[in-house]
Amino acid sequence: FPISDANPIEHSAALPERVDVVIIGGGIIGVSAAIYLNRLGQRVVLL
């Protein structure tokens, strides 16, 4: 299967001290919410 925990991490960054919204879960729902929250001007981090 093309995605597993053996895949190298693609997305990494310093942990922000403060954001407007934290999204927990990187599936289609979480990723879509991140896109549209960001487009509303929210500072978003997805874990």
All heavy atoms as atom14 arrays in JSON, in Angstrom:
{
  "sequence": "FPISDANPIEHSAALPERVDVVIIGGGIIGVSAAIYLNRLGQRVVLL",
  "atom14_mask": [
    [1, 1, 1, 1, 1, 1, 1, 1, 1, 1, 1, 0, 0, 0],
    [1, 1, 1, 1, 1, 1, 1, 0, 0, 0, 0, 0, 0, 0],
    [1, 1, 1, 1, 1, 1, 1, 1, 0, 0, 0, 0, 0, 0],
    [1, 1, 1, 1, 1, 1, 0, 0, 0, 0, 0, 0, 0, 0],
    [1, 1, 1, 1, 1, 1, 1, 1, 0, 0, 0, 0, 0, 0],
    [1, 1, 1, 1, 1, 0, 0, 0, 0, 0, 0, 0, 0, 0],
    [1, 1, 1, 1, 1, 1, 1, 1, 0, 0, 0, 0, 0, 0],
    [1, 1, 1, 1, 1, 1, 1, 0, 0, 0, 0, 0, 0, 0],
    [1, 1, 1, 1, 1, 1, 1, 1, 0, 0, 0, 0, 0, 0],
    [1, 1, 1, 1, 1, 1, 1, 1, 1, 0, 0, 0, 0, 0],
    [1, 1, 1, 1, 1, 1, 1, 1, 1, 1, 0, 0, 0, 0],
    [1, 1, 1, 1, 1, 1, 0, 0, 0, 0, 0, 0, 0, 0],
    [1, 1, 1, 1, 1, 0, 0, 0, 0, 0, 0, 0, 0, 0],
    [1, 1, 1, 1, 1, 0, 0, 0, 0, 0, 0, 0, 0, 0],
    [1, 1, 1, 1, 1, 1, 1, 1, 0, 0, 0, 0, 0, 0],
    [1, 1, 1, 1, 1, 1, 1, 0, 0, 0, 0, 0, 0, 0],
    [1, 1, 1, 1, 1, 1, 1, 1, 1, 0, 0, 0, 0, 0],
    [1, 1, 1, 1, 1, 1, 1, 1, 1, 1, 1, 0, 0, 0],
    [1, 1, 1, 1, 1, 1, 1, 0, 0, 0, 0, 0, 0, 0],
    [1, 1, 1, 1, 1, 1, 1, 1, 0, 0, 0, 0, 0, 0],
    [1, 1, 1, 1, 1, 1, 1, 0, 0, 0, 0, 0, 0, 0],
    [1, 1, 1, 1, 1, 1, 1, 0, 0, 0, 0, 0, 0, 0],
    [1, 1, 1, 1, 1, 1, 1, 1, 0, 0, 0, 0, 0, 0],
    [1, 1, 1, 1, 1, 1, 1, 1, 0, 0, 0, 0, 0, 0],
    [1, 1, 1, 1, 0, 0, 0, 0, 0, 0, 0, 0, 0, 0],
    [1, 1, 1, 1, 0, 0, 0, 0, 0, 0, 0, 0, 0, 0],
    [1, 1, 1, 1, 0, 0, 0, 0, 0, 0, 0, 0, 0, 0],
    [1, 1, 1, 1, 1, 1, 1, 1, 0, 0, 0, 0, 0, 0],
    [1, 1, 1, 1, 1, 1, 1, 1, 0, 0, 0, 0, 0, 0],
    [1, 1, 1, 1, 0, 0, 0, 0, 0, 0, 0, 0, 0, 0],
    [1, 1, 1, 1, 1, 1, 1, 0, 0, 0, 0, 0, 0, 0],
    [1, 1, 1, 1, 1, 1, 0, 0, 0, 0, 0, 0, 0, 0],
    [1, 1, 1, 1, 1, 0, 0, 0, 0, 0, 0, 0, 0, 0],
    [1, 1, 1, 1, 1, 0, 0, 0, 0, 0, 0, 0, 0, 0],
    [1, 1, 1, 1, 1, 1, 1, 1, 0, 0, 0, 0, 0, 0],
    [1, 1, 1, 1, 1, 1, 1, 1, 1, 1, 1, 1, 0, 0],
    [1, 1, 1, 1, 1, 1, 1, 1, 0, 0, 0, 0, 0, 0],
    [1, 1, 1, 1, 1, 1, 1, 1, 0, 0, 0, 0, 0, 0],
    [1, 1, 1, 1, 1, 1, 1, 1, 1, 1, 1, 0, 0, 0],
    [1, 1, 1, 1, 1, 1, 1, 1, 0, 0, 0, 0, 0, 0],
    [1, 1, 1, 1, 0, 0, 0, 0, 0, 0, 0, 0, 0, 0],
    [1, 1, 1, 1, 1, 1, 1, 1, 1, 0, 0, 0, 0, 0],
    [1, 1, 1, 1, 1, 1, 1, 1, 1, 1, 1, 0, 0, 0],
    [1, 1, 1, 1, 1, 1, 1, 0, 0, 0, 0, 0, 0, 0],
    [1, 1, 1, 1, 1, 1, 1, 0, 0, 0, 0, 0, 0, 0],
    [1, 1, 1, 1, 1, 1, 1, 1, 0, 0, 0, 0, 0, 0],
    [1, 1, 1, 1, 1, 1, 1, 1, 0, 0, 0, 0, 0, 0]
  ],
  "atom14_positions": [
    [[0.85, -1.18, 0.0], [0.0, 0.0, 0.0], [0.89, 1.24, 0.0], [1.93, 1.28, 0.68], [-0.92, 0.0, 1.22], [-2.01, 1.01, 1.13], [-3.09, 0.8, 0.29], [-1.96, 2.19, 1.85], [-4.1, 1.74, 0.17], [-2.96, 3.14, 1.74], [-4.04, 2.9, 0.9], [0.0, 0.0, 0.0], [0.0, 0.0, 0.0], [0.0, 0.0, 0.0]],
    [[0.52, 2.3, -0.75], [1.44, 3.42, -0.97], [1.73, 4.31, 0.23], [2.69, 5.07, 0.21], [0.74, 4.23, -2.08], [-0.69, 3.81, -2.04], [-0.69, 2.4, -1.59], [0.0, 0.0, 0.0], [0.0, 0.0, 0.0], [0.0, 0.0, 0.0], [0.0, 0.0, 0.0], [0.0, 0.0, 0.0], [0.0, 0.0, 0.0], [0.0, 0.0, 0.0]],
    [[0.89, 4.25, 1.29], [1.13, 5.1, 2.46], [1.25, 4.23, 3.69], [0.37, 3.41, 3.98], [0.0, 6.13, 2.66], [-0.16, 7.01, 1.42], [0.28, 7.0, 3.89], [-1.3, 8.0, 1.51], [0.0, 0.0, 0.0], [0.0, 0.0, 0.0], [0.0, 0.0, 0.0], [0.0, 0.0, 0.0], [0.0, 0.0, 0.0], [0.0, 0.0, 0.0]],
    [[2.34, 4.4, 4.44], [2.52, 3.69, 5.7], [3.44, 4.51, 6.6], [3.98, 5.54, 6.18], [3.13, 2.31, 5.46], [4.51, 2.41, 5.13], [0.0, 0.0, 0.0], [0.0, 0.0, 0.0], [0.0, 0.0, 0.0], [0.0, 0.0, 0.0], [0.0, 0.0, 0.0], [0.0, 0.0, 0.0], [0.0, 0.0, 0.0], [0.0, 0.0, 0.0]],
    [[3.64, 4.01, 7.82], [4.53, 4.74, 8.72], [5.99, 4.61, 8.32], [6.87, 5.26, 8.9], [4.32, 4.3, 10.17], [4.47, 2.8, 10.36], [4.81, 2.1, 9.38], [4.23, 2.32, 11.47], [0.0, 0.0, 0.0], [0.0, 0.0, 0.0], [0.0, 0.0, 0.0], [0.0, 0.0, 0.0], [0.0, 0.0, 0.0], [0.0, 0.0, 0.0]],
    [[6.26, 3.79, 7.29], [7.62, 3.71, 6.76], [7.93, 4.84, 5.79], [9.1, 5.1, 5.47], [7.83, 2.36, 6.06], [0.0, 0.0, 0.0], [0.0, 0.0, 0.0], [0.0, 0.0, 0.0], [0.0, 0.0, 0.0], [0.0, 0.0, 0.0], [0.0, 0.0, 0.0], [0.0, 0.0, 0.0], [0.0, 0.0, 0.0], [0.0, 0.0, 0.0]],
    [[6.9, 5.53, 5.32], [7.11, 6.67, 4.43], [7.83, 7.79, 5.16], [7.53, 8.07, 6.33], [5.78, 7.2, 3.91], [5.1, 6.26, 2.94], [5.02, 5.07, 3.19], [4.58, 6.79, 1.86], [0.0, 0.0, 0.0], [0.0, 0.0, 0.0], [0.0, 0.0, 0.0], [0.0, 0.0, 0.0], [0.0, 0.0, 0.0], [0.0, 0.0, 0.0]],
    [[8.76, 8.46, 4.52], [9.4, 9.62, 5.16], [8.36, 10.69, 5.48], [7.37, 10.86, 4.76], [10.38, 10.12, 4.1], [10.58, 8.97, 3.17], [9.29, 8.2, 3.17], [0.0, 0.0, 0.0], [0.0, 0.0, 0.0], [0.0, 0.0, 0.0], [0.0, 0.0, 0.0], [0.0, 0.0, 0.0], [0.0, 0.0, 0.0], [0.0, 0.0, 0.0]],
    [[8.58, 11.39, 6.58], [7.7, 12.52, 6.92], [7.9, 13.63, 5.9], [9.01, 14.07, 5.64], [8.01, 13.02, 8.34], [7.49, 12.0, 9.37], [7.39, 14.4, 8.59], [7.8, 12.36, 10.8], [0.0, 0.0, 0.0], [0.0, 0.0, 0.0], [0.0, 0.0, 0.0], [0.0, 0.0, 0.0], [0.0, 0.0, 0.0], [0.0, 0.0, 0.0]],
    [[6.8, 14.05, 5.3], [6.84, 15.13, 4.31], [6.63, 16.49, 4.93], [7.23, 17.49, 4.51], [5.79, 14.89, 3.23], [5.75, 15.98, 2.16], [4.72, 15.71, 1.07], [4.14, 14.61, 1.05], [4.51, 16.61, 0.23], [0.0, 0.0, 0.0], [0.0, 0.0, 0.0], [0.0, 0.0, 0.0], [0.0, 0.0, 0.0], [0.0, 0.0, 0.0]],
    [[5.78, 16.55, 5.95], [5.39, 17.83, 6.54], [5.91, 17.92, 7.97], [5.47, 17.17, 8.85], [3.88, 17.99, 6.53], [3.28, 17.91, 5.15], [3.4, 18.92, 4.23], [2.55, 16.93, 4.56], [2.77, 18.58, 3.12], [2.25, 17.37, 3.29], [0.0, 0.0, 0.0], [0.0, 0.0, 0.0], [0.0, 0.0, 0.0], [0.0, 0.0, 0.0]],
    [[6.82, 18.83, 8.19], [7.34, 19.09, 9.54], [7.58, 20.58, 9.67], [7.82, 21.27, 8.68], [8.62, 18.3, 9.8], [9.64, 18.69, 8.89], [0.0, 0.0, 0.0], [0.0, 0.0, 0.0], [0.0, 0.0, 0.0], [0.0, 0.0, 0.0], [0.0, 0.0, 0.0], [0.0, 0.0, 0.0], [0.0, 0.0, 0.0], [0.0, 0.0, 0.0]],
    [[7.49, 21.05, 10.89], [7.69, 22.48, 11.14], [7.89, 22.67, 12.63], [7.62, 21.76, 13.43], [6.47, 23.28, 10.66], [0.0, 0.0, 0.0], [0.0, 0.0, 0.0], [0.0, 0.0, 0.0], [0.0, 0.0, 0.0], [0.0, 0.0, 0.0], [0.0, 0.0, 0.0], [0.0, 0.0, 0.0], [0.0, 0.0, 0.0], [0.0, 0.0, 0.0]],
    [[8.36, 23.83, 12.99], [8.45, 24.17, 14.41], [7.03, 24.27, 14.97], [6.12, 24.78, 14.31], [9.19, 25.49, 14.59], [0.0, 0.0, 0.0], [0.0, 0.0, 0.0], [0.0, 0.0, 0.0], [0.0, 0.0, 0.0], [0.0, 0.0, 0.0], [0.0, 0.0, 0.0], [0.0, 0.0, 0.0], [0.0, 0.0, 0.0], [0.0, 0.0, 0.0]],
    [[6.85, 23.77, 16.17], [5.54, 23.82, 16.81], [5.17, 25.26, 17.13], [5.88, 25.93, 17.86], [5.55, 22.98, 18.09], [4.19, 22.57, 18.64], [3.58, 21.48, 17.77], [4.33, 22.08, 20.08], [0.0, 0.0, 0.0], [0.0, 0.0, 0.0], [0.0, 0.0, 0.0], [0.0, 0.0, 0.0], [0.0, 0.0, 0.0], [0.0, 0.0, 0.0]],
    [[4.07, 25.77, 16.57], [3.69, 27.15, 16.87], [3.33, 27.32, 18.35], [2.79, 26.39, 18.97], [2.46, 27.38, 15.99], [2.46, 26.29, 14.98], [3.13, 25.13, 15.63], [0.0, 0.0, 0.0], [0.0, 0.0, 0.0], [0.0, 0.0, 0.0], [0.0, 0.0, 0.0], [0.0, 0.0, 0.0], [0.0, 0.0, 0.0], [0.0, 0.0, 0.0]],
    [[3.62, 28.46, 18.9], [3.25, 28.73, 20.3], [1.75, 28.97, 20.43], [1.13, 28.53, 21.4], [4.01, 29.95, 20.82], [3.71, 30.28, 22.27], [4.46, 31.49, 22.77], [5.45, 31.88, 22.13], [4.05, 32.07, 23.81], [0.0, 0.0, 0.0], [0.0, 0.0, 0.0], [0.0, 0.0, 0.0], [0.0, 0.0, 0.0], [0.0, 0.0, 0.0]],
    [[1.19, 29.65, 19.43], [-0.24, 29.98, 19.49], [-0.81, 30.01, 18.07], [-0.17, 30.53, 17.15], [-0.47, 31.33, 20.16], [-1.92, 31.81, 20.17], [-2.08, 33.12, 20.92], [-1.78, 32.95, 22.32], [-2.65, 32.51, 23.24], [-3.88, 32.19, 22.85], [-2.31, 32.38, 24.5], [0.0, 0.0, 0.0], [0.0, 0.0, 0.0], [0.0, 0.0, 0.0]],
    [[-2.03, 29.47, 17.9], [-2.74, 29.53, 16.63], [-4.22, 29.77, 16.9], [-4.68, 29.68, 18.05], [-2.57, 28.23, 15.8], [-1.13, 28.02, 15.4], [-3.12, 27.02, 16.55], [0.0, 0.0, 0.0], [0.0, 0.0, 0.0], [0.0, 0.0, 0.0], [0.0, 0.0, 0.0], [0.0, 0.0, 0.0], [0.0, 0.0, 0.0], [0.0, 0.0, 0.0]],
    [[-4.95, 30.06, 15.86], [-6.4, 30.25, 16.0], [-7.14, 28.92, 16.12], [-8.12, 28.81, 16.86], [-6.95, 31.03, 14.81], [-6.35, 32.42, 14.69], [-6.28, 33.11, 15.72], [-5.93, 32.79, 13.58], [0.0, 0.0, 0.0], [0.0, 0.0, 0.0], [0.0, 0.0, 0.0], [0.0, 0.0, 0.0], [0.0, 0.0, 0.0], [0.0, 0.0, 0.0]],
    [[-6.69, 27.92, 15.36], [-7.37, 26.62, 15.34], [-6.33, 25.51, 15.23], [-5.41, 25.59, 14.41], [-8.34, 26.5, 14.14], [-9.17, 25.21, 14.26], [-9.27, 27.7, 14.04], [0.0, 0.0, 0.0], [0.0, 0.0, 0.0], [0.0, 0.0, 0.0], [0.0, 0.0, 0.0], [0.0, 0.0, 0.0], [0.0, 0.0, 0.0], [0.0, 0.0, 0.0]],
    [[-6.51, 24.46, 16.04], [-5.74, 23.22, 15.89], [-6.68, 22.16, 15.35], [-7.77, 21.94, 15.89], [-5.14, 22.76, 17.22], [-4.49, 21.38, 17.05], [-4.11, 23.75, 17.74], [0.0, 0.0, 0.0], [0.0, 0.0, 0.0], [0.0, 0.0, 0.0], [0.0, 0.0, 0.0], [0.0, 0.0, 0.0], [0.0, 0.0, 0.0], [0.0, 0.0, 0.0]],
    [[-6.27, 21.51, 14.27], [-7.03, 20.4, 13.7], [-6.3, 19.11, 14.03], [-5.09, 19.0, 13.82], [-7.17, 20.54, 12.17], [-7.98, 21.81, 11.84], [-7.85, 19.32, 11.57], [-8.01, 22.14, 10.37], [0.0, 0.0, 0.0], [0.0, 0.0, 0.0], [0.0, 0.0, 0.0], [0.0, 0.0, 0.0], [0.0, 0.0, 0.0], [0.0, 0.0, 0.0]],
    [[-7.04, 18.14, 14.54], [-6.46, 16.86, 14.91], [-6.94, 15.81, 13.92], [-8.12, 15.48, 13.86], [-6.86, 16.48, 16.35], [-6.31, 17.53, 17.32], [-6.34, 15.08, 16.7], [-6.84, 17.41, 18.73], [0.0, 0.0, 0.0], [0.0, 0.0, 0.0], [0.0, 0.0, 0.0], [0.0, 0.0, 0.0], [0.0, 0.0, 0.0], [0.0, 0.0, 0.0]],
    [[-6.01, 15.33, 13.09], [-6.35, 14.33, 12.09], [-6.06, 14.81, 10.68], [-6.58, 15.83, 10.25], [0.0, 0.0, 0.0], [0.0, 0.0, 0.0], [0.0, 0.0, 0.0], [0.0, 0.0, 0.0], [0.0, 0.0, 0.0], [0.0, 0.0, 0.0], [0.0, 0.0, 0.0], [0.0, 0.0, 0.0], [0.0, 0.0, 0.0], [0.0, 0.0, 0.0]],
    [[-5.22, 14.06, 9.96], [-4.79, 14.46, 8.62], [-5.43, 13.66, 7.51], [-4.77, 13.35, 6.51], [0.0, 0.0, 0.0], [0.0, 0.0, 0.0], [0.0, 0.0, 0.0], [0.0, 0.0, 0.0], [0.0, 0.0, 0.0], [0.0, 0.0, 0.0], [0.0, 0.0, 0.0], [0.0, 0.0, 0.0], [0.0, 0.0, 0.0], [0.0, 0.0, 0.0]],
    [[-6.72, 13.34, 7.66], [-7.46, 12.73, 6.57], [-8.15, 13.79, 5.73], [-7.88, 14.99, 5.86], [0.0, 0.0, 0.0], [0.0, 0.0, 0.0], [0.0, 0.0, 0.0], [0.0, 0.0, 0.0], [0.0, 0.0, 0.0], [0.0, 0.0, 0.0], [0.0, 0.0, 0.0], [0.0, 0.0, 0.0], [0.0, 0.0, 0.0], [0.0, 0.0, 0.0]],
    [[-9.07, 13.37, 4.87], [-9.74, 14.3, 3.97], [-10.52, 15.37, 4.72], [-10.55, 16.53, 4.3], [-10.66, 13.53, 2.98], [-11.31, 14.49, 1.98], [-11.71, 12.72, 3.72], [-10.36, 15.24, 1.09], [0.0, 0.0, 0.0], [0.0, 0.0, 0.0], [0.0, 0.0, 0.0], [0.0, 0.0, 0.0], [0.0, 0.0, 0.0], [0.0, 0.0, 0.0]],
    [[-11.13, 15.02, 5.86], [-11.92, 16.0, 6.61], [-11.0, 17.05, 7.21], [-11.22, 18.27, 7.07], [-12.74, 15.32, 7.7], [-13.64, 14.23, 7.12], [-13.56, 16.35, 8.47], [-14.67, 14.7, 6.14], [0.0, 0.0, 0.0], [0.0, 0.0, 0.0], [0.0, 0.0, 0.0], [0.0, 0.0, 0.0], [0.0, 0.0, 0.0], [0.0, 0.0, 0.0]],
    [[-9.95, 16.6, 7.89], [-9.04, 17.55, 8.53], [-8.33, 18.44, 7.53], [-8.19, 19.65, 7.74], [0.0, 0.0, 0.0], [0.0, 0.0, 0.0], [0.0, 0.0, 0.0], [0.0, 0.0, 0.0], [0.0, 0.0, 0.0], [0.0, 0.0, 0.0], [0.0, 0.0, 0.0], [0.0, 0.0, 0.0], [0.0, 0.0, 0.0], [0.0, 0.0, 0.0]],
    [[-7.85, 17.84, 6.43], [-7.14, 18.62, 5.42], [-8.08, 19.65, 4.78], [-7.71, 20.81, 4.57], [-6.53, 17.69, 4.37], [-6.02, 18.49, 3.16], [-5.39, 16.88, 4.98], [0.0, 0.0, 0.0], [0.0, 0.0, 0.0], [0.0, 0.0, 0.0], [0.0, 0.0, 0.0], [0.0, 0.0, 0.0], [0.0, 0.0, 0.0], [0.0, 0.0, 0.0]],
    [[-9.3, 19.24, 4.47], [-10.26, 20.17, 3.86], [-10.6, 21.3, 4.82], [-10.67, 22.47, 4.42], [-11.53, 19.43, 3.45], [-11.27, 18.46, 2.46], [0.0, 0.0, 0.0], [0.0, 0.0, 0.0], [0.0, 0.0, 0.0], [0.0, 0.0, 0.0], [0.0, 0.0, 0.0], [0.0, 0.0, 0.0], [0.0, 0.0, 0.0], [0.0, 0.0, 0.0]],
    [[-10.81, 20.96, 6.09], [-11.09, 22.01, 7.08], [-9.94, 22.99, 7.18], [-10.15, 24.21, 7.31], [-11.37, 21.38, 8.44], [0.0, 0.0, 0.0], [0.0, 0.0, 0.0], [0.0, 0.0, 0.0], [0.0, 0.0, 0.0], [0.0, 0.0, 0.0], [0.0, 0.0, 0.0], [0.0, 0.0, 0.0], [0.0, 0.0, 0.0], [0.0, 0.0, 0.0]],
    [[-8.71, 22.49, 7.11], [-7.54, 23.37, 7.18], [-7.52, 24.34, 6.02], [-7.24, 25.55, 6.18], [-6.27, 22.52, 7.2], [0.0, 0.0, 0.0], [0.0, 0.0, 0.0], [0.0, 0.0, 0.0], [0.0, 0.0, 0.0], [0.0, 0.0, 0.0], [0.0, 0.0, 0.0], [0.0, 0.0, 0.0], [0.0, 0.0, 0.0], [0.0, 0.0, 0.0]],
    [[-7.83, 23.85, 4.82], [-7.84, 24.71, 3.64], [-8.84, 25.85, 3.81], [-8.52, 27.03, 3.61], [-8.15, 23.89, 2.38], [-6.97, 22.99, 2.03], [-8.48, 24.81, 1.19], [-7.26, 21.99, 0.91], [0.0, 0.0, 0.0], [0.0, 0.0, 0.0], [0.0, 0.0, 0.0], [0.0, 0.0, 0.0], [0.0, 0.0, 0.0], [0.0, 0.0, 0.0]],
    [[-10.06, 25.51, 4.2], [-11.12, 26.52, 4.23], [-11.02, 27.43, 5.45], [-11.38, 28.61, 5.37], [-12.48, 25.85, 4.12], [-12.67, 25.23, 2.74], [-12.67, 23.84, 2.57], [-12.77, 26.03, 1.61], [-12.78, 23.28, 1.31], [-12.89, 25.47, 0.35], [-12.9, 24.11, 0.2], [-13.0, 23.56, -1.06], [0.0, 0.0, 0.0], [0.0, 0.0, 0.0]],
    [[-10.51, 26.93, 6.56], [-10.26, 27.82, 7.7], [-9.17, 28.82, 7.36], [-9.27, 30.02, 7.68], [-9.85, 26.99, 8.93], [-11.0, 26.37, 9.73], [-10.49, 25.27, 10.63], [-11.71, 27.45, 10.55], [0.0, 0.0, 0.0], [0.0, 0.0, 0.0], [0.0, 0.0, 0.0], [0.0, 0.0, 0.0], [0.0, 0.0, 0.0], [0.0, 0.0, 0.0]],
    [[-8.11, 28.36, 6.72], [-7.03, 29.25, 6.33], [-7.53, 30.33, 5.37], [-7.13, 31.5, 5.45], [-5.9, 28.44, 5.68], [-4.72, 29.29, 5.27], [-3.98, 29.79, 6.11], [-4.55, 29.48, 3.97], [0.0, 0.0, 0.0], [0.0, 0.0, 0.0], [0.0, 0.0, 0.0], [0.0, 0.0, 0.0], [0.0, 0.0, 0.0], [0.0, 0.0, 0.0]],
    [[-8.43, 29.95, 4.47], [-8.97, 30.92, 3.53], [-9.9, 31.93, 4.18], [-10.19, 32.97, 3.59], [-9.69, 30.18, 2.39], [-8.72, 29.42, 1.49], [-9.41, 28.65, 0.39], [-8.46, 27.9, -0.43], [-8.77, 27.13, -1.46], [-10.05, 27.01, -1.82], [-7.84, 26.5, -2.14], [0.0, 0.0, 0.0], [0.0, 0.0, 0.0], [0.0, 0.0, 0.0]],
    [[-10.34, 31.62, 5.41], [-11.12, 32.59, 6.18], [-10.22, 33.45, 7.07], [-10.7, 34.2, 7.92], [-12.16, 31.86, 7.04], [-13.34, 31.24, 6.29], [-14.26, 30.5, 7.27], [-14.12, 32.29, 5.51], [0.0, 0.0, 0.0], [0.0, 0.0, 0.0], [0.0, 0.0, 0.0], [0.0, 0.0, 0.0], [0.0, 0.0, 0.0], [0.0, 0.0, 0.0]],
    [[-8.92, 33.32, 6.89], [-8.0, 34.16, 7.63], [-7.56, 33.6, 8.97], [-6.93, 34.32, 9.76], [0.0, 0.0, 0.0], [0.0, 0.0, 0.0], [0.0, 0.0, 0.0], [0.0, 0.0, 0.0], [0.0, 0.0, 0.0], [0.0, 0.0, 0.0], [0.0, 0.0, 0.0], [0.0, 0.0, 0.0], [0.0, 0.0, 0.0], [0.0, 0.0, 0.0]],
    [[-7.86, 32.34, 9.23], [-7.46, 31.72, 10.5], [-6.05, 31.15, 10.39], [-5.66, 30.59, 9.36], [-8.43, 30.59, 10.85], [-9.87, 31.03, 11.02], [-10.05, 31.95, 12.22], [-9.89, 31.53, 13.36], [-10.38, 33.2, 11.95], [0.0, 0.0, 0.0], [0.0, 0.0, 0.0], [0.0, 0.0, 0.0], [0.0, 0.0, 0.0], [0.0, 0.0, 0.0]],
    [[-5.3, 31.28, 11.47], [-3.99, 30.65, 11.54], [-4.2, 29.22, 12.03], [-4.69, 29.01, 13.14], [-3.06, 31.41, 12.48], [-1.61, 30.89, 12.41], [-0.7, 31.61, 13.37], [0.67, 31.09, 13.27], [1.58, 31.23, 14.22], [1.3, 31.88, 15.33], [2.79, 30.72, 14.05], [0.0, 0.0, 0.0], [0.0, 0.0, 0.0], [0.0, 0.0, 0.0]],
    [[-3.84, 28.26, 11.2], [-4.22, 26.87, 11.42], [-2.98, 25.98, 11.51], [-2.05, 26.12, 10.72], [-5.12, 26.35, 10.27], [-5.53, 24.89, 10.52], [-6.35, 27.23, 10.11], [0.0, 0.0, 0.0], [0.0, 0.0, 0.0], [0.0, 0.0, 0.0], [0.0, 0.0, 0.0], [0.0, 0.0, 0.0], [0.0, 0.0, 0.0], [0.0, 0.0, 0.0]],
    [[-3.0, 25.05, 12.47], [-2.02, 23.97, 12.5], [-2.78, 22.65, 12.52], [-3.78, 22.5, 13.23], [-1.06, 24.08, 13.71], [-1.78, 23.95, 15.04], [0.05, 23.03, 13.6], [0.0, 0.0, 0.0], [0.0, 0.0, 0.0], [0.0, 0.0, 0.0], [0.0, 0.0, 0.0], [0.0, 0.0, 0.0], [0.0, 0.0, 0.0], [0.0, 0.0, 0.0]],
    [[-2.33, 21.72, 11.69], [-2.92, 20.39, 11.63], [-1.91, 19.39, 12.18], [-0.78, 19.34, 11.71], [-3.31, 20.04, 10.19], [-4.06, 18.73, 9.95], [-4.91, 18.82, 8.68], [-3.11, 17.53, 9.85], [0.0, 0.0, 0.0], [0.0, 0.0, 0.0], [0.0, 0.0, 0.0], [0.0, 0.0, 0.0], [0.0, 0.0, 0.0], [0.0, 0.0, 0.0]],
    [[-2.36, 18.61, 13.16], [-1.51, 17.59, 13.77], [-1.95, 16.21, 13.29], [-3.13, 15.85, 13.41], [-1.61, 17.64, 15.3], [-1.24, 18.96, 15.97], [-1.4, 18.86, 17.47], [0.18, 19.39, 15.6], [0.0, 0.0, 0.0], [0.0, 0.0, 0.0], [0.0, 0.0, 0.0], [0.0, 0.0, 0.0], [0.0, 0.0, 0.0], [0.0, 0.0, 0.0]]
  ]
}
